Amino acid sequence: MRIVLASQSPARLATLRAAGIEPEVVVSGVDEDRITSSDPSNLAAALAQMKCRAVAERVEPDALVIGCDSVLAFEGEIFGKPAGPVEAAGRWRRMRGRSGVLHTGHCVRRGDQEFIETATTIVHFAAITDDEIDAYVATGEPLHVAGAFTIDGLGGAFITGIEGDHHNVVGLSLPVLRELVGDLGIAWTSLWTLSN
């Protein structure tokens, strides 16, 4: 079965590969600004669905298409990817020493069957200094991710803890994805491409 990841995220691809799944990457090319919502969970799910559907239209019907998108809810605001370095640094100055909730929408589609679920994880941010913030933003890493942070890269040192699935913070919850694939009637273990 052809497995297609509708995301250009290297972290999502690495997560699937580490879980024994080797997907093909097809970038959706959708305009994420077309969808707005004041509910971060609904927004993440809608964005994941939009990406999944856009790619599903371009591949054969029996392919398994996986779409994901993440947003961070922080003090009543929704943070996607920052617009630039100034915004990323400003977010970090607000987030340091506090906590936010990362929502990742997951959408799987095969043929005319589609299932959607959102996973949430609480993220606790370290009380980092202005110099640390400036140095981190200067690397460029926080400019390409929801909430302006990573847990699996340079930003990992600035996360003091999480409550929930750590894979979700990377951008793809393996337990949620396993359940959704099961809803499609596909055994998770059948997706493994392990070689002996």
Protein backbone atom coordinates (compact mmCIF):
# COMPACT_ATOMS: atom_id res chain seq x y z
CA MET A 1 0.00 0.00 0.00
CA ARG A 2 1.25 3.47 -0.84
CA ILE A 3 1.54 5.63 2.29
CA VAL A 4 1.61 9.37 1.68
CA LEU A 5 2.47 12.03 4.25
CA ALA A 6 0.81 15.31 3.30
CA SER A 7 3.40 17.40 5.15
CA GLN A 8 6.83 18.82 4.47
CA SER A 9 7.74 18.58 8.16
CA PRO A 10 11.05 16.74 8.61
CA ALA A 11 10.07 16.00 12.22
CA ARG A 12 6.83 14.24 11.20
CA LEU A 13 8.70 12.21 8.59
CA ALA A 14 11.38 11.26 11.13
CA THR A 15 8.72 10.25 13.66
CA LEU A 16 7.04 7.91 11.16
CA ARG A 17 10.36 6.45 10.04
CA ALA A 18 11.38 5.79 13.66
CA ALA A 19 8.02 3.99 14.08
CA GLY A 20 8.84 1.66 11.17
CA ILE A 21 6.81 3.45 8.50
CA GLU A 22 8.36 4.79 5.31
CA PRO A 23 5.92 7.23 3.71
CA GLU A 24 6.22 9.18 0.51
CA VAL A 25 6.07 12.93 1.10
CA VAL A 26 3.68 14.97 -1.03
CA VAL A 27 3.40 18.61 0.02
CA SER A 28 -0.18 19.87 -0.09
CA GLY A 29 0.63 23.42 -1.14
CA VAL A 30 -2.57 24.69 0.48
CA ASP A 31 -2.97 28.24 1.77
CA GLU A 32 -3.29 27.74 5.53
CA ASP A 33 -4.56 31.31 5.96
CA ARG A 34 -7.82 30.29 4.23
CA ILE A 35 -9.00 28.65 7.44
CA THR A 36 -9.61 30.58 10.64
CA SER A 37 -11.12 29.54 13.95
CA SER A 38 -11.06 30.78 17.51
CA ASP A 39 -10.94 27.15 18.69
CA PRO A 40 -7.36 25.82 18.46
CA SER A 41 -8.41 22.16 18.39
CA ASN A 42 -10.89 22.75 15.58
CA LEU A 43 -8.36 24.85 13.67
CA ALA A 44 -5.68 22.15 13.87
CA ALA A 45 -8.18 19.51 12.70
CA ALA A 46 -9.46 21.65 9.83
CA LEU A 47 -5.94 22.41 8.61
CA ALA A 48 -4.97 18.73 8.77
CA GLN A 49 -8.11 17.79 6.82
CA MET A 50 -7.47 20.45 4.18
CA LYS A 51 -3.91 19.19 3.64
CA CYS A 52 -4.98 15.56 3.57
CA ARG A 53 -7.77 16.15 1.07
CA ALA A 54 -5.58 18.28 -1.21
CA VAL A 55 -3.03 15.49 -1.48
CA ALA A 56 -5.63 12.70 -1.68
CA GLU A 57 -6.98 14.33 -4.85
CA ARG A 58 -3.55 13.92 -6.48
CA VAL A 59 -2.85 10.27 -5.64
CA GLU A 60 -4.58 6.98 -6.39
CA PRO A 61 -7.69 6.25 -4.27
CA ASP A 62 -6.24 3.22 -2.47
CA ALA A 63 -3.28 5.20 -1.09
CA LEU A 64 -3.26 5.96 2.63
CA VAL A 65 -2.91 9.72 3.02
CA ILE A 66 -1.91 11.25 6.36
CA GLY A 67 -2.36 14.96 7.01
CA CYS A 68 -1.33 16.79 10.19
CA ASP A 69 -1.15 20.34 11.46
CA SER A 70 -0.26 21.85 14.81
CA VAL A 71 -1.11 25.07 16.64
CA LEU A 72 -0.22 26.29 20.11
CA ALA A 73 -2.86 27.77 22.38
CA PHE A 74 -1.29 30.27 24.77
CA GLU A 75 -3.18 32.64 27.07
CA GLY A 76 -6.22 32.77 24.81
CA GLU A 77 -4.26 33.19 21.57
CA ILE A 78 -3.51 30.72 18.80
CA PHE A 79 0.09 30.53 17.63
CA GLY A 80 0.90 28.91 14.32
CA LYS A 81 4.26 29.50 12.67
CA PRO A 82 5.67 32.94 13.50
CA ALA A 83 5.74 35.56 10.74
CA GLY A 84 9.43 36.24 11.36
CA PRO A 85 12.23 36.56 13.93
CA VAL A 86 10.69 39.53 15.76
CA GLU A 87 7.42 37.69 16.33
CA ALA A 88 9.22 34.48 17.36
CA ALA A 89 11.32 36.34 19.94
CA GLY A 90 8.26 38.17 21.25
CA ARG A 91 6.39 34.91 21.70
CA TRP A 92 9.27 33.39 23.63
CA ARG A 93 9.47 36.41 25.93
CA ARG A 94 5.78 35.84 26.73
CA MET A 95 5.95 32.03 26.95
CA ARG A 96 9.08 31.63 29.09
CA GLY A 97 8.32 30.26 32.53
CA ARG A 98 4.73 29.52 31.49
CA SER A 99 2.77 26.75 29.78
CA GLY A 100 0.80 26.35 26.57
CA VAL A 101 -1.32 23.65 24.98
CA LEU A 102 -0.20 22.20 21.66
CA HIS A 103 -3.01 20.87 19.47
CA THR A 104 -2.20 18.61 16.53
CA GLY A 105 -4.91 17.71 14.06
CA HIS A 106 -4.64 14.34 12.33
CA CYS A 107 -6.58 13.33 9.24
CA VAL A 108 -6.28 9.99 7.44
CA ARG A 109 -7.96 9.17 4.15
CA ARG A 110 -8.15 6.14 1.94
CA GLY A 111 -10.65 6.04 -0.90
CA ASP A 112 -13.84 7.69 0.31
CA GLN A 113 -13.15 6.96 3.98
CA GLU A 114 -11.78 9.73 6.16
CA PHE A 115 -11.20 10.04 9.89
CA ILE A 116 -10.07 13.05 11.94
CA GLU A 117 -8.83 13.43 15.51
CA THR A 118 -6.96 16.09 17.46
CA ALA A 119 -4.39 15.36 20.14
CA THR A 120 -3.45 17.84 22.86
CA THR A 121 -0.32 18.10 24.98
CA ILE A 122 0.53 20.65 27.66
CA VAL A 123 4.01 22.11 27.20
CA HIS A 124 5.93 23.78 30.04
CA PHE A 125 8.51 26.34 28.92
CA ALA A 126 11.74 27.13 30.79
CA ALA A 127 12.36 30.60 32.18
CA ILE A 128 15.07 31.32 29.61
CA THR A 129 17.04 34.56 29.30
CA ASP A 130 16.75 37.21 26.61
CA ASP A 131 20.19 36.15 25.33
CA GLU A 132 19.03 32.53 25.04
CA ILE A 133 15.89 33.64 23.20
CA ASP A 134 17.87 35.79 20.76
CA ALA A 135 20.39 33.00 20.13
CA TYR A 136 17.63 30.44 19.57
CA VAL A 137 15.69 32.67 17.18
CA ALA A 138 18.92 33.45 15.29
CA THR A 139 19.27 29.74 14.44
CA GLY A 140 16.09 29.97 12.36
CA GLU A 141 14.65 26.79 13.88
CA PRO A 142 11.66 28.42 15.63
CA LEU A 143 10.60 30.25 12.46
CA HIS A 144 9.33 27.09 10.77
CA VAL A 145 7.23 25.48 13.50
CA ALA A 146 3.95 26.08 15.31
CA GLY A 147 4.46 27.98 18.54
CA ALA A 148 8.05 28.90 17.58
CA PHE A 149 9.60 25.92 19.37
CA THR A 150 10.69 22.33 18.91
CA ILE A 151 11.16 19.58 21.45
CA ASP A 152 13.25 17.35 19.18
CA GLY A 153 15.81 19.96 18.17
CA LEU A 154 17.62 22.95 19.62
CA GLY A 155 14.48 24.04 21.47
CA GLY A 156 14.36 20.84 23.51
CA ALA A 157 16.60 22.38 26.18
CA PHE A 158 13.98 25.08 26.73
CA ILE A 159 11.10 22.70 27.48
CA THR A 160 10.98 21.72 31.15
CA GLY A 161 8.19 19.18 30.83
CA ILE A 162 5.08 18.04 29.03
CA GLU A 163 1.77 16.48 29.97
CA GLY A 164 0.61 14.09 27.26
CA ASP A 165 2.10 12.41 24.22
CA HIS A 166 5.59 13.72 23.43
CA HIS A 167 5.22 12.62 19.78
CA ASN A 168 2.35 15.09 19.53
CA VAL A 169 4.73 17.94 20.36
CA VAL A 170 6.89 16.85 17.44
CA GLY A 171 3.78 17.15 15.26
CA LEU A 172 2.30 13.66 14.95
CA SER A 173 0.81 11.53 17.73
CA LEU A 174 1.60 7.89 16.97
CA PRO A 175 -1.13 6.53 19.31
CA VAL A 176 -3.77 8.75 17.67
CA LEU A 177 -2.56 7.84 14.19
CA ARG A 178 -2.67 4.12 15.05
CA GLU A 179 -6.31 4.46 16.12
CA LEU A 180 -7.27 6.40 12.99
CA VAL A 181 -5.57 3.88 10.71
CA GLY A 182 -7.44 1.17 12.59
CA ASP A 183 -10.71 3.00 11.87
CA LEU A 184 -9.84 2.60 8.18
CA GLY A 185 -9.54 -1.16 8.77
CA ILE A 186 -5.76 -1.17 8.44
CA ALA A 187 -3.58 -2.95 10.99
CA TRP A 188 -0.87 -0.62 12.27
CA THR A 189 1.73 -3.37 12.17
CA SER A 190 1.00 -3.94 8.47
CA LEU A 191 2.45 -0.49 7.80
CA TRP A 192 5.85 -1.41 9.18
CA THR A 193 8.62 -1.66 6.59
CA LEU A 194 11.07 -3.48 8.82
CA SER A 195 13.91 -5.40 7.26
CA ASN A 196 15.68 -8.27 9.01
